[in-house]
PDB file of N, CA and C in Angstrom:
ATOM      1  N   UNK A   1      86.026 -10.763  -2.948  1.00  0.00           N
ATOM      2  CA  UNK A   1      85.734  -9.509  -3.826  1.00  0.00           C
ATOM      3  C   UNK A   1      84.254  -9.535  -4.058  1.00  0.00           C
ATOM      4  N   UNK A   2      83.802  -8.483  -3.870  1.00  0.00           N
ATOM      5  CA  UNK A   2      82.275  -8.434  -4.057  1.00  0.00           C
ATOM      6  C   UNK A   2      81.946  -8.440  -5.580  1.00  0.00           C
ATOM      7  N   UNK A   3      80.583  -8.743  -5.718  1.00  0.00           N
ATOM      8  CA  UNK A   3      79.950  -8.475  -7.095  1.00  0.00           C
ATOM      9  C   UNK A   3      79.987  -7.201  -7.781  1.00  0.00           C
ATOM     10  N   UNK A   4      80.306  -7.125  -8.932  1.00  0.00           N
ATOM     11  CA  UNK A   4      80.395  -5.987  -9.575  1.00  0.00           C
ATOM     12  C   UNK A   4      79.485  -6.235 -11.096  1.00  0.00           C
ATOM     13  N   UNK A   5      78.799  -5.265 -11.415  1.00  0.00           N
ATOM     14  CA  UNK A   5      78.194  -5.282 -12.667  1.00  0.00           C
ATOM     15  C   UNK A   5      78.876  -4.717 -13.929  1.00  0.00           C
ATOM     16  N   UNK A   6      78.988  -5.516 -14.846  1.00  0.00           N
ATOM     17  CA  UNK A   6      79.774  -5.102 -16.148  1.00  0.00           C
ATOM     18  C   UNK A   6      79.201  -3.712 -16.609  1.00  0.00           C
ATOM     19  N   UNK A   7      80.119  -3.071 -17.249  1.00  0.00           N
ATOM     20  CA  UNK A   7      79.478  -1.734 -17.820  1.00  0.00           C
ATOM     21  C   UNK A   7      78.840  -2.041 -19.327  1.00  0.00           C
ATOM     22  N   UNK A   8      77.993  -1.245 -19.690  1.00  0.00           N
ATOM     23  CA  UNK A   8      77.290  -1.311 -21.037  1.00  0.00           C
ATOM     24  C   UNK A   8      78.190  -1.508 -22.003  1.00  0.00           C
ATOM     25  N   UNK A   9      79.217  -0.694 -21.991  1.00  0.00           N
ATOM     26  CA  UNK A   9      80.443  -0.670 -23.246  1.00  0.00           C
ATOM     27  C   UNK A   9      80.835  -2.223 -23.258  1.00  0.00           C
ATOM     28  N   UNK A  10      81.326  -2.862 -21.960  1.00  0.00           N
ATOM     29  CA  UNK A  10      81.708  -4.139 -22.022  1.00  0.00           C
ATOM     30  C   UNK A  10      80.811  -5.012 -22.641  1.00  0.00           C
ATOM     31  N   UNK A  11      79.551  -5.140 -22.181  1.00  0.00           N
ATOM     32  CA  UNK A  11      78.734  -5.885 -22.766  1.00  0.00           C
ATOM     33  C   UNK A  11      78.336  -5.898 -24.145  1.00  0.00           C
ATOM     34  N   UNK A  12      78.121  -4.546 -24.650  1.00  0.00           N
ATOM     35  CA  UNK A  12      78.090  -4.277 -25.864  1.00  0.00           C
ATOM     36  C   UNK A  12      79.053  -4.668 -26.934  1.00  0.00           C
ATOM     37  N   UNK A  13      80.296  -4.602 -26.502  1.00  0.00           N
ATOM     38  CA  UNK A  13      81.499  -4.809 -27.254  1.00  0.00           C
ATOM     39  C   UNK A  13      81.585  -6.517 -27.156  1.00  0.00           C
ATOM     40  N   UNK A  14      81.226  -7.284 -26.161  1.00  0.00           N
ATOM     41  CA  UNK A  14      81.372  -8.592 -26.167  1.00  0.00           C
ATOM     42  C   UNK A  14      80.237  -9.303 -26.936  1.00  0.00           C
ATOM     43  N   UNK A  15      78.859  -8.630 -26.944  1.00  0.00           N
ATOM     44  CA  UNK A  15      77.963  -9.003 -27.805  1.00  0.00           C
ATOM     45  C   UNK A  15      78.143  -8.993 -29.437  1.00  0.00           C
ATOM     46  N   UNK A  16      78.825  -7.754 -29.720  1.00  0.00           N
ATOM     47  CA  UNK A  16      79.264  -7.612 -31.105  1.00  0.00           C
ATOM     48  C   UNK A  16      80.193  -8.813 -31.501  1.00  0.00           C
ATOM     49  N   UNK A  17      81.106  -8.871 -30.545  1.00  0.00           N
ATOM     50  CA  UNK A  17      82.138 -10.101 -30.899  1.00  0.00           C
ATOM     51  C   UNK A  17      81.387 -11.410 -31.181  1.00  0.00           C
ATOM     52  N   UNK A  18      80.502 -11.853 -30.143  1.00  0.00           N
ATOM     53  CA  UNK A  18      79.819 -13.018 -30.175  1.00  0.00           C
ATOM     54  C   UNK A  18      79.165 -13.122 -31.366  1.00  0.00           C
ATOM     55  N   UNK A  19      78.269 -12.118 -31.916  1.00  0.00           N
ATOM     56  CA  UNK A  19      77.652 -12.137 -33.106  1.00  0.00           C
ATOM     57  C   UNK A  19      78.644 -12.400 -34.405  1.00  0.00           C
ATOM     58  N   UNK A  20      79.756 -11.732 -34.385  1.00  0.00           N
ATOM     59  CA  UNK A  20      80.665 -11.760 -35.556  1.00  0.00           C
ATOM     60  C   UNK A  20      81.282 -13.312 -35.376  1.00  0.00           C
ATOM     61  N   UNK A  21      81.581 -13.879 -34.253  1.00  0.00           N
ATOM     62  CA  UNK A  21      82.138 -15.140 -34.197  1.00  0.00           C
ATOM     63  C   UNK A  21      81.022 -16.041 -34.665  1.00  0.00           C
ATOM     64  N   UNK A  22      79.985 -15.945 -34.159  1.00  0.00           N
ATOM     65  CA  UNK A  22      78.892 -16.983 -34.653  1.00  0.00           C
ATOM     66  C   UNK A  22      78.756 -17.028 -36.075  1.00  0.00           C
ATOM     67  N   UNK A  23      78.704 -15.869 -36.698  1.00  0.00           N
ATOM     68  CA  UNK A  23      78.586 -15.681 -38.192  1.00  0.00           C
ATOM     69  C   UNK A  23      79.785 -16.554 -38.765  1.00  0.00           C
ATOM     70  N   UNK A  24      81.000 -16.167 -38.474  1.00  0.00           N
ATOM     71  CA  UNK A  24      82.214 -16.784 -38.783  1.00  0.00           C
ATOM     72  C   UNK A  24      82.232 -18.306 -38.704  1.00  0.00           C
ATOM     73  N   UNK A  25      81.516 -18.840 -37.678  1.00  0.00           N
ATOM     74  CA  UNK A  25      81.639 -20.265 -37.433  1.00  0.00           C
ATOM     75  C   UNK A  25      80.411 -21.082 -37.876  1.00  0.00           C
ATOM     76  N   UNK A  26      79.563 -20.013 -38.963  1.00  0.00           N
ATOM     77  CA  UNK A  26      78.449 -20.733 -39.592  1.00  0.00           C
ATOM     78  C   UNK A  26      77.162 -21.093 -38.624  1.00  0.00           C
ATOM     79  N   UNK A  27      77.319 -20.412 -37.457  1.00  0.00           N
ATOM     80  CA  UNK A  27      76.322 -20.649 -36.488  1.00  0.00           C
ATOM     81  C   UNK A  27      75.090 -19.698 -36.435  1.00  0.00           C
ATOM     82  N   UNK A  28      75.161 -18.762 -37.372  1.00  0.00           N
ATOM     83  CA  UNK A  28      74.062 -17.608 -37.518  1.00  0.00           C
ATOM     84  C   UNK A  28      73.082 -18.240 -38.551  1.00  0.00           C
ATOM     85  N   UNK A  29      71.760 -18.296 -38.232  1.00  0.00           N
ATOM     86  CA  UNK A  29      70.778 -18.670 -39.174  1.00  0.00           C
ATOM     87  C   UNK A  29      70.010 -17.537 -39.618  1.00  0.00           C
ATOM     88  N   UNK A  30      69.883 -17.345 -41.028  1.00  0.00           N
ATOM     89  CA  UNK A  30      69.139 -16.203 -41.503  1.00  0.00           C
ATOM     90  C   UNK A  30      67.458 -16.600 -41.355  1.00  0.00           C
ATOM     91  N   UNK A  31      67.115 -17.717 -41.428  1.00  0.00           N
ATOM     92  CA  UNK A  31      65.819 -17.842 -41.382  1.00  0.00           C
ATOM     93  C   UNK A  31      65.164 -17.723 -39.914  1.00  0.00           C
ATOM     94  N   UNK A  32      64.040 -17.075 -39.706  1.00  0.00           N
ATOM     95  CA  UNK A  32      63.677 -16.964 -38.382  1.00  0.00           C
ATOM     96  C   UNK A  32      63.173 -18.177 -37.672  1.00  0.00           C
ATOM     97  N   UNK A  33      63.168 -18.474 -36.385  1.00  0.00           N
ATOM     98  CA  UNK A  33      62.576 -19.673 -35.749  1.00  0.00           C
ATOM     99  C   UNK A  33      60.857 -19.665 -36.010  1.00  0.00           C
ATOM    100  N   UNK A  34      60.555 -20.888 -35.865  1.00  0.00           N
ATOM    101  CA  UNK A  34      59.090 -21.122 -35.878  1.00  0.00           C
ATOM    102  C   UNK A  34      58.515 -20.639 -34.574  1.00  0.00           C
ATOM    103  N   UNK A  35      57.403 -19.922 -34.721  1.00  0.00           N
ATOM    104  CA  UNK A  35      56.857 -19.449 -33.533  1.00  0.00           C
ATOM    105  C   UNK A  35      56.791 -20.259 -31.944  1.00  0.00           C
ATOM    106  N   UNK A  36      56.524 -21.575 -32.269  1.00  0.00           N
ATOM    107  CA  UNK A  36      56.447 -22.529 -31.274  1.00  0.00           C
ATOM    108  C   UNK A  36      57.625 -22.868 -30.683  1.00  0.00           C
ATOM    109  N   UNK A  37      58.883 -22.585 -31.299  1.00  0.00           N
ATOM    110  CA  UNK A  37      60.176 -22.809 -30.587  1.00  0.00           C
ATOM    111  C   UNK A  37      60.254 -21.970 -29.465  1.00  0.00           C
ATOM    112  N   UNK A  38      59.642 -20.742 -29.410  1.00  0.00           N
ATOM    113  CA  UNK A  38      59.769 -19.759 -28.259  1.00  0.00           C
ATOM    114  C   UNK A  38      59.129 -20.348 -27.039  1.00  0.00           C
ATOM    115  N   UNK A  39      58.266 -21.441 -27.260  1.00  0.00           N
ATOM    116  CA  UNK A  39      57.556 -21.704 -26.014  1.00  0.00           C
ATOM    117  C   UNK A  39      58.526 -22.838 -25.312  1.00  0.00           C
ATOM    118  N   UNK A  40      59.638 -22.436 -24.749  1.00  0.00           N
ATOM    119  CA  UNK A  40      60.584 -23.452 -24.340  1.00  0.00           C
ATOM    120  C   UNK A  40      60.207 -23.289 -22.627  1.00  0.00           C
ATOM    121  N   UNK A  41      60.737 -24.507 -21.995  1.00  0.00           N
ATOM    122  CA  UNK A  41      60.655 -24.586 -20.737  1.00  0.00           C
ATOM    123  C   UNK A  41      62.061 -24.849 -19.863  1.00  0.00           C
ATOM    124  N   UNK A  42      62.802 -25.312 -20.824  1.00  0.00           N
ATOM    125  CA  UNK A  42      64.092 -25.759 -20.145  1.00  0.00           C
ATOM    126  C   UNK A  42      65.089 -24.520 -20.316  1.00  0.00           C
ATOM    127  N   UNK A  43      66.095 -24.635 -19.392  1.00  0.00           N
ATOM    128  CA  UNK A  43      67.213 -23.567 -19.473  1.00  0.00           C
ATOM    129  C   UNK A  43      67.885 -23.807 -20.966  1.00  0.00           C
ATOM    130  N   UNK A  44      68.020 -22.663 -21.363  1.00  0.00           N
ATOM    131  CA  UNK A  44      68.681 -22.368 -22.720  1.00  0.00           C
ATOM    132  C   UNK A  44      67.979 -22.923 -23.744  1.00  0.00           C
ATOM    133  N   UNK A  45      66.550 -23.126 -23.482  1.00  0.00           N
ATOM    134  CA  UNK A  45      65.542 -23.733 -24.507  1.00  0.00           C
ATOM    135  C   UNK A  45      65.918 -24.864 -25.113  1.00  0.00           C
ATOM    136  N   UNK A  46      66.586 -25.753 -24.162  1.00  0.00           N
ATOM    137  CA  UNK A  46      67.021 -27.042 -24.819  1.00  0.00           C
ATOM    138  C   UNK A  46      65.978 -27.887 -25.454  1.00  0.00           C
ATOM    139  N   UNK A  47      64.721 -27.587 -25.009  1.00  0.00           N
ATOM    140  CA  UNK A  47      63.633 -28.626 -25.270  1.00  0.00           C
ATOM    141  C   UNK A  47      63.103 -28.152 -26.618  1.00  0.00           C
ATOM    142  N   UNK A  48      63.518 -26.798 -27.029  1.00  0.00           N
ATOM    143  CA  UNK A  48      62.732 -26.513 -28.545  1.00  0.00           C
ATOM    144  C   UNK A  48      63.841 -25.939 -29.311  1.00  0.00           C
ATOM    145  N   UNK A  49      64.977 -25.771 -29.173  1.00  0.00           N
ATOM    146  CA  UNK A  49      65.966 -25.261 -30.023  1.00  0.00           C
ATOM    147  C   UNK A  49      67.542 -25.867 -29.703  1.00  0.00           C
ATOM    148  N   UNK A  50      68.118 -25.361 -30.764  1.00  0.00           N
ATOM    149  CA  UNK A  50      69.671 -25.636 -30.638  1.00  0.00           C
ATOM    150  C   UNK A  50      70.226 -24.667 -29.728  1.00  0.00           C
ATOM    151  N   UNK A  51      71.475 -25.012 -29.007  1.00  0.00           N
ATOM    152  CA  UNK A  51      71.957 -23.816 -28.292  1.00  0.00           C
ATOM    153  C   UNK A  51      72.411 -22.562 -29.244  1.00  0.00           C
ATOM    154  N   UNK A  52      72.894 -22.870 -30.301  1.00  0.00           N
ATOM    155  CA  UNK A  52      73.202 -21.725 -31.116  1.00  0.00           C
ATOM    156  C   UNK A  52      72.000 -20.795 -31.573  1.00  0.00           C
ATOM    157  N   UNK A  53      70.840 -21.646 -31.579  1.00  0.00           N
ATOM    158  CA  UNK A  53      69.697 -20.673 -31.860  1.00  0.00           C
ATOM    159  C   UNK A  53      69.167 -19.908 -30.773  1.00  0.00           C
ATOM    160  N   UNK A  54      69.503 -20.556 -29.623  1.00  0.00           N
ATOM    161  CA  UNK A  54      69.097 -19.918 -28.269  1.00  0.00           C
ATOM    162  C   UNK A  54      69.812 -18.517 -28.002  1.00  0.00           C
ATOM    163  N   UNK A  55      71.177 -18.816 -28.389  1.00  0.00           N
ATOM    164  CA  UNK A  55      71.901 -17.615 -28.314  1.00  0.00           C
ATOM    165  C   UNK A  55      71.604 -16.391 -29.315  1.00  0.00           C
ATOM    166  N   UNK A  56      71.210 -16.853 -30.599  1.00  0.00           N
ATOM    167  CA  UNK A  56      70.785 -15.885 -31.615  1.00  0.00           C
ATOM    168  C   UNK A  56      69.459 -15.335 -31.275  1.00  0.00           C
ATOM    169  N   UNK A  57      68.431 -16.064 -30.913  1.00  0.00           N
ATOM    170  CA  UNK A  57      67.139 -15.655 -30.752  1.00  0.00           C
ATOM    171  C   UNK A  57      66.443 -15.306 -29.503  1.00  0.00           C
ATOM    172  N   UNK A  58      67.256 -15.725 -28.491  1.00  0.00           N
ATOM    173  CA  UNK A  58      66.918 -15.222 -27.038  1.00  0.00           C
ATOM    174  C   UNK A  58      67.809 -14.503 -26.417  1.00  0.00           C
ATOM    175  N   UNK A  59      69.055 -15.112 -26.237  1.00  0.00           N
ATOM    176  CA  UNK A  59      70.182 -14.279 -25.441  1.00  0.00           C
ATOM    177  C   UNK A  59      70.716 -12.945 -26.104  1.00  0.00           C
ATOM    178  N   UNK A  60      70.820 -12.979 -27.312  1.00  0.00           N
ATOM    179  CA  UNK A  60      71.394 -11.746 -27.957  1.00  0.00           C
ATOM    180  C   UNK A  60      70.183 -10.826 -27.893  1.00  0.00           C
ATOM    181  N   UNK A  61      68.893 -10.982 -28.203  1.00  0.00           N
ATOM    182  CA  UNK A  61      67.810 -10.031 -28.260  1.00  0.00           C
ATOM    183  C   UNK A  61      67.697  -9.503 -26.763  1.00  0.00           C
ATOM    184  N   UNK A  62      67.635 -10.417 -25.968  1.00  0.00           N
ATOM    185  CA  UNK A  62      67.362 -10.070 -24.476  1.00  0.00           C
ATOM    186  C   UNK A  62      68.364  -9.188 -24.094  1.00  0.00           C
ATOM    187  N   UNK A  63      69.572  -9.351 -24.191  1.00  0.00           N
ATOM    188  CA  UNK A  63      70.898  -8.362 -23.987  1.00  0.00           C
ATOM    189  C   UNK A  63      70.609  -7.128 -24.595  1.00  0.00           C
ATOM    190  N   UNK A  64      70.298  -7.240 -25.797  1.00  0.00           N
ATOM    191  CA  UNK A  64      70.066  -6.097 -26.568  1.00  0.00           C
ATOM    192  C   UNK A  64      69.271  -4.976 -25.988  1.00  0.00           C
ATOM    193  N   UNK A  65      68.086  -5.618 -25.717  1.00  0.00           N
ATOM    194  CA  UNK A  65      66.966  -4.829 -25.013  1.00  0.00           C
ATOM    195  C   UNK A  65      67.399  -4.276 -23.748  1.00  0.00           C
ATOM    196  N   UNK A  66      68.200  -5.191 -22.796  1.00  0.00           N
ATOM    197  CA  UNK A  66      68.745  -4.528 -21.524  1.00  0.00           C
ATOM    198  C   UNK A  66      69.660  -3.249 -21.903  1.00  0.00           C
ATOM    199  N   UNK A  67      70.382  -3.381 -22.886  1.00  0.00           N
ATOM    200  CA  UNK A  67      71.444  -2.391 -23.178  1.00  0.00           C
ATOM    201  C   UNK A  67      70.566  -1.157 -23.648  1.00  0.00           C
ATOM    202  N   UNK A  68      69.430  -1.426 -24.423  1.00  0.00           N
ATOM    203  CA  UNK A  68      68.721  -0.465 -24.946  1.00  0.00           C
ATOM    204  C   UNK A  68      67.996   0.456 -23.879  1.00  0.00           C
ATOM    205  N   UNK A  69      67.345  -0.356 -22.844  1.00  0.00           N
ATOM    206  CA  UNK A  69      66.665   0.201 -21.809  1.00  0.00           C
ATOM    207  C   UNK A  69      67.385   0.584 -20.542  1.00  0.00           C
ATOM    208  N   UNK A  70      68.715   0.339 -20.676  1.00  0.00           N
ATOM    209  CA  UNK A  70      69.593   0.372 -19.497  1.00  0.00           C
ATOM    210  C   UNK A  70      68.903  -0.558 -18.347  1.00  0.00           C
ATOM    211  N   UNK A  71      68.348  -1.563 -18.709  1.00  0.00           N
ATOM    212  CA  UNK A  71      67.612  -2.444 -17.467  1.00  0.00           C
ATOM    213  C   UNK A  71      68.784  -3.060 -16.764  1.00  0.00           C
ATOM    214  N   UNK A  72      68.417  -3.665 -15.673  1.00  0.00           N
ATOM    215  CA  UNK A  72      69.373  -4.426 -14.934  1.00  0.00           C
ATOM    216  C   UNK A  72      69.919  -5.577 -15.537  1.00  0.00           C
ATOM    217  N   UNK A  73      71.216  -5.854 -15.343  1.00  0.00           N
ATOM    218  CA  UNK A  73      71.573  -7.103 -15.998  1.00  0.00           C
ATOM    219  C   UNK A  73      71.648  -8.287 -15.076  1.00  0.00           C
ATOM    220  N   UNK A  74      71.633  -9.573 -15.673  1.00  0.00           N
ATOM    221  CA  UNK A  74      71.432 -10.522 -14.621  1.00  0.00           C
ATOM    222  C   UNK A  74      72.715 -10.708 -13.712  1.00  0.00           C
ATOM    223  N   UNK A  75      72.621 -11.099 -12.332  1.00  0.00           N
ATOM    224  CA  UNK A  75      73.535 -11.184 -11.355  1.00  0.00           C
ATOM    225  C   UNK A  75      74.731 -12.084 -11.808  1.00  0.00           C
ATOM    226  N   UNK A  76      74.503 -13.018 -12.719  1.00  0.00           N
ATOM    227  CA  UNK A  76      75.492 -14.076 -13.114  1.00  0.00           C
ATOM    228  C   UNK A  76      75.028 -14.478 -14.313  1.00  0.00           C
ATOM    229  N   UNK A  77      76.065 -15.245 -15.038  1.00  0.00           N
ATOM    230  CA  UNK A  77      75.854 -15.563 -16.338  1.00  0.00           C
ATOM    231  C   UNK A  77      76.433 -17.019 -16.360  1.00  0.00           C
ATOM    232  N   UNK A  78      76.010 -18.020 -17.223  1.00  0.00           N
ATOM    233  CA  UNK A  78      76.520 -19.251 -17.147  1.00  0.00           C
ATOM    234  C   UNK A  78      76.693 -19.826 -18.646  1.00  0.00           C
ATOM    235  N   UNK A  79      76.572 -18.717 -19.755  1.00  0.00           N
ATOM    236  CA  UNK A  79      76.518 -19.005 -21.231  1.00  0.00           C
ATOM    237  C   UNK A  79      77.836 -19.837 -21.620  1.00  0.00           C
ATOM    238  N   UNK A  80      78.926 -19.275 -20.907  1.00  0.00           N
ATOM    239  CA  UNK A  80      80.199 -20.089 -21.309  1.00  0.00           C
ATOM    240  C   UNK A  80      80.343 -21.773 -20.782  1.00  0.00           C
ATOM    241  N   UNK A  81      79.816 -21.840 -19.749  1.00  0.00           N
ATOM    242  CA  UNK A  81      79.742 -23.149 -19.257  1.00  0.00           C
ATOM    243  C   UNK A  81      78.818 -24.008 -20.082  1.00  0.00           C
ATOM    244  N   UNK A  82      77.857 -23.498 -20.615  1.00  0.00           N
ATOM    245  CA  UNK A  82      76.977 -24.157 -21.330  1.00  0.00           C
ATOM    246  C   UNK A  82      77.558 -24.336 -22.704  1.00  0.00           C
ATOM    247  N   UNK A  83      78.103 -23.475 -23.121  1.00  0.00           N
ATOM    248  CA  UNK A  83      78.910 -23.535 -24.563  1.00  0.00           C
ATOM    249  C   UNK A  83      79.974 -24.514 -24.523  1.00  0.00           C
ATOM    250  N   UNK A  84      80.811 -24.676 -23.316  1.00  0.00           N
ATOM    251  CA  UNK A  84      81.840 -25.785 -23.229  1.00  0.00           C
ATOM    252  C   UNK A  84      81.019 -27.074 -23.442  1.00  0.00           C
ATOM    253  N   UNK A  85      79.937 -27.425 -22.767  1.00  0.00           N
ATOM    254  CA  UNK A  85      79.292 -28.479 -22.977  1.00  0.00           C
ATOM    255  C   UNK A  85      78.831 -28.848 -24.469  1.00  0.00           C
ATOM    256  N   UNK A  86      78.253 -27.862 -24.922  1.00  0.00           N
ATOM    257  CA  UNK A  86      77.485 -27.949 -26.237  1.00  0.00           C
ATOM    258  C   UNK A  86      78.498 -28.059 -27.353  1.00  0.00           C
ATOM    259  N   UNK A  87      79.755 -27.537 -27.406  1.00  0.00           N
ATOM    260  CA  UNK A  87      80.581 -27.397 -28.484  1.00  0.00           C
ATOM    261  C   UNK A  87      81.924 -27.996 -28.138  1.00  0.00           C
ATOM    262  N   UNK A  88      81.891 -29.015 -27.221  1.00  0.00           N
ATOM    263  CA  UNK A  88      82.871 -29.618 -26.958  1.00  0.00           C
ATOM    264  C   UNK A  88      83.624 -30.567 -28.176  1.00  0.00           C
ATOM    265  N   UNK A  89      84.806 -30.202 -28.283  1.00  0.00           N
ATOM    266  CA  UNK A  89      85.541 -30.697 -29.496  1.00  0.00           C
ATOM    267  C   UNK A  89      85.284 -30.349 -30.917  1.00  0.00           C
ATOM    268  N   UNK A  90      84.436 -29.249 -30.923  1.00  0.00           N
ATOM    269  CA  UNK A  90      83.905 -28.732 -32.248  1.00  0.00           C
ATOM    270  C   UNK A  90      84.898 -27.458 -32.498  1.00  0.00           C
ATOM    271  N   UNK A  91      85.853 -27.640 -33.352  1.00  0.00           N
ATOM    272  CA  UNK A  91      86.875 -26.678 -33.463  1.00  0.00           C
ATOM    273  C   UNK A  91      86.471 -25.420 -34.099  1.00  0.00           C
ATOM    274  N   UNK A  92      85.598 -25.321 -34.777  1.00  0.00           N
ATOM    275  CA  UNK A  92      85.087 -24.119 -35.505  1.00  0.00           C
ATOM    276  C   UNK A  92      84.377 -23.150 -34.305  1.00  0.00           C
ATOM    277  N   UNK A  93      84.046 -23.814 -33.226  1.00  0.00           N
ATOM    278  CA  UNK A  93      83.308 -23.069 -32.455  1.00  0.00           C
ATOM    279  C   UNK A  93      84.129 -22.663 -31.035  1.00  0.00           C
ATOM    280  N   UNK A  94      85.347 -22.913 -31.098  1.00  0.00           N
ATOM    281  CA  UNK A  94      86.208 -22.852 -29.840  1.00  0.00           C
ATOM    282  C   UNK A  94      86.503 -21.187 -29.804  1.00  0.00           C
ATOM    283  N   UNK A  95      86.301 -20.350 -30.724  1.00  0.00           N
ATOM    284  CA  UNK A  95      86.481 -18.931 -30.541  1.00  0.00           C
ATOM    285  C   UNK A  95      85.179 -18.374 -29.728  1.00  0.00           C
ATOM    286  N   UNK A  96      84.004 -19.026 -30.188  1.00  0.00           N
ATOM    287  CA  UNK A  96      82.663 -18.609 -29.655  1.00  0.00           C
ATOM    288  C   UNK A  96      82.734 -19.118 -27.968  1.00  0.00           C
ATOM    289  N   UNK A  97      83.229 -20.161 -28.006  1.00  0.00           N
ATOM    290  CA  UNK A  97      83.188 -20.647 -26.494  1.00  0.00           C
ATOM    291  C   UNK A  97      84.184 -19.732 -25.651  1.00  0.00           C
ATOM    292  N   UNK A  98      85.232 -19.397 -26.161  1.00  0.00           N
ATOM    293  CA  UNK A  98      86.090 -18.322 -25.457  1.00  0.00           C
ATOM    294  C   UNK A  98      85.489 -17.045 -25.279  1.00  0.00           C
ATOM    295  N   UNK A  99      84.741 -16.559 -26.022  1.00  0.00           N
ATOM    296  CA  UNK A  99      84.103 -15.263 -25.913  1.00  0.00           C
ATOM    297  C   UNK A  99      82.814 -15.307 -24.858  1.00  0.00           C
ATOM    298  N   UNK A 100      82.171 -16.504 -24.967  1.00  0.00           N
ATOM    299  CA  UNK A 100      81.126 -16.622 -23.993  1.00  0.00           C
ATOM    300  C   UNK A 100      81.680 -16.757 -22.527  1.00  0.00           C
ATOM    301  N   UNK A 101      82.678 -17.560 -22.375  1.00  0.00           N
ATOM    302  CA  UNK A 101      83.378 -17.656 -21.155  1.00  0.00           C
ATOM    303  C   UNK A 101      83.746 -16.288 -20.525  1.00  0.00           C
ATOM    304  N   UNK A 102      84.450 -15.420 -21.430  1.00  0.00           N
ATOM    305  CA  UNK A 102      84.575 -14.070 -21.325  1.00  0.00           C
ATOM    306  C   UNK A 102      83.628 -13.301 -20.739  1.00  0.00           C
ATOM    307  N   UNK A 103      82.412 -13.518 -21.454  1.00  0.00           N
ATOM    308  CA  UNK A 103      81.110 -12.806 -21.153  1.00  0.00           C
ATOM    309  C   UNK A 103      80.622 -13.238 -19.727  1.00  0.00           C
ATOM    310  N   UNK A 104      80.916 -14.469 -19.380  1.00  0.00           N
ATOM    311  CA  UNK A 104      80.591 -15.000 -18.148  1.00  0.00           C
ATOM    312  C   UNK A 104      81.391 -14.000 -16.886  1.00  0.00           C
ATOM    313  N   UNK A 105      82.655 -14.052 -17.305  1.00  0.00           N
ATOM    314  CA  UNK A 105      83.635 -13.529 -16.379  1.00  0.00           C
ATOM    315  C   UNK A 105      83.364 -12.100 -16.025  1.00  0.00           C
ATOM    316  N   UNK A 106      82.714 -11.432 -16.966  1.00  0.00           N
ATOM    317  CA  UNK A 106      82.302  -9.985 -16.602  1.00  0.00           C
ATOM    318  C   UNK A 106      81.423  -9.990 -15.446  1.00  0.00           C
ATOM    319  N   UNK A 107      80.501 -10.962 -15.054  1.00  0.00           N
ATOM    320  CA  UNK A 107      79.653 -10.800 -14.018  1.00  0.00           C
ATOM    321  C   UNK A 107      80.385 -11.494 -12.685  1.00  0.00           C
ATOM    322  N   UNK A 108      81.455 -11.735 -12.665  1.00  0.00           N
ATOM    323  CA  UNK A 108      82.181 -12.511 -11.566  1.00  0.00           C
ATOM    324  C   UNK A 108      82.400 -11.437 -10.429  1.00  0.00           C
TER     325      UNK A 108
END
């Protein structure tokens, strides 16, 4: 089966669900990040911020911008795999993990 790109509607819907779920799980932070936290060099900004912060301040804005500009989406996504590692055994985050894994599958 060849690579298919998900539709904007699919991505938009999943993004909205992810935001709601993050808020429900208490993972959404109201205060902005410190500017230096954006100077990350590792995948998922693991060197400067928590994974939930990366989702809120990097992943979601980046996707929102791609939706707005109809920019090309990445060829693959591994946010679900990372979420499984980050939130292992954390019950409140399991809904979010599921949504992020579903997001990855949009790119399969």
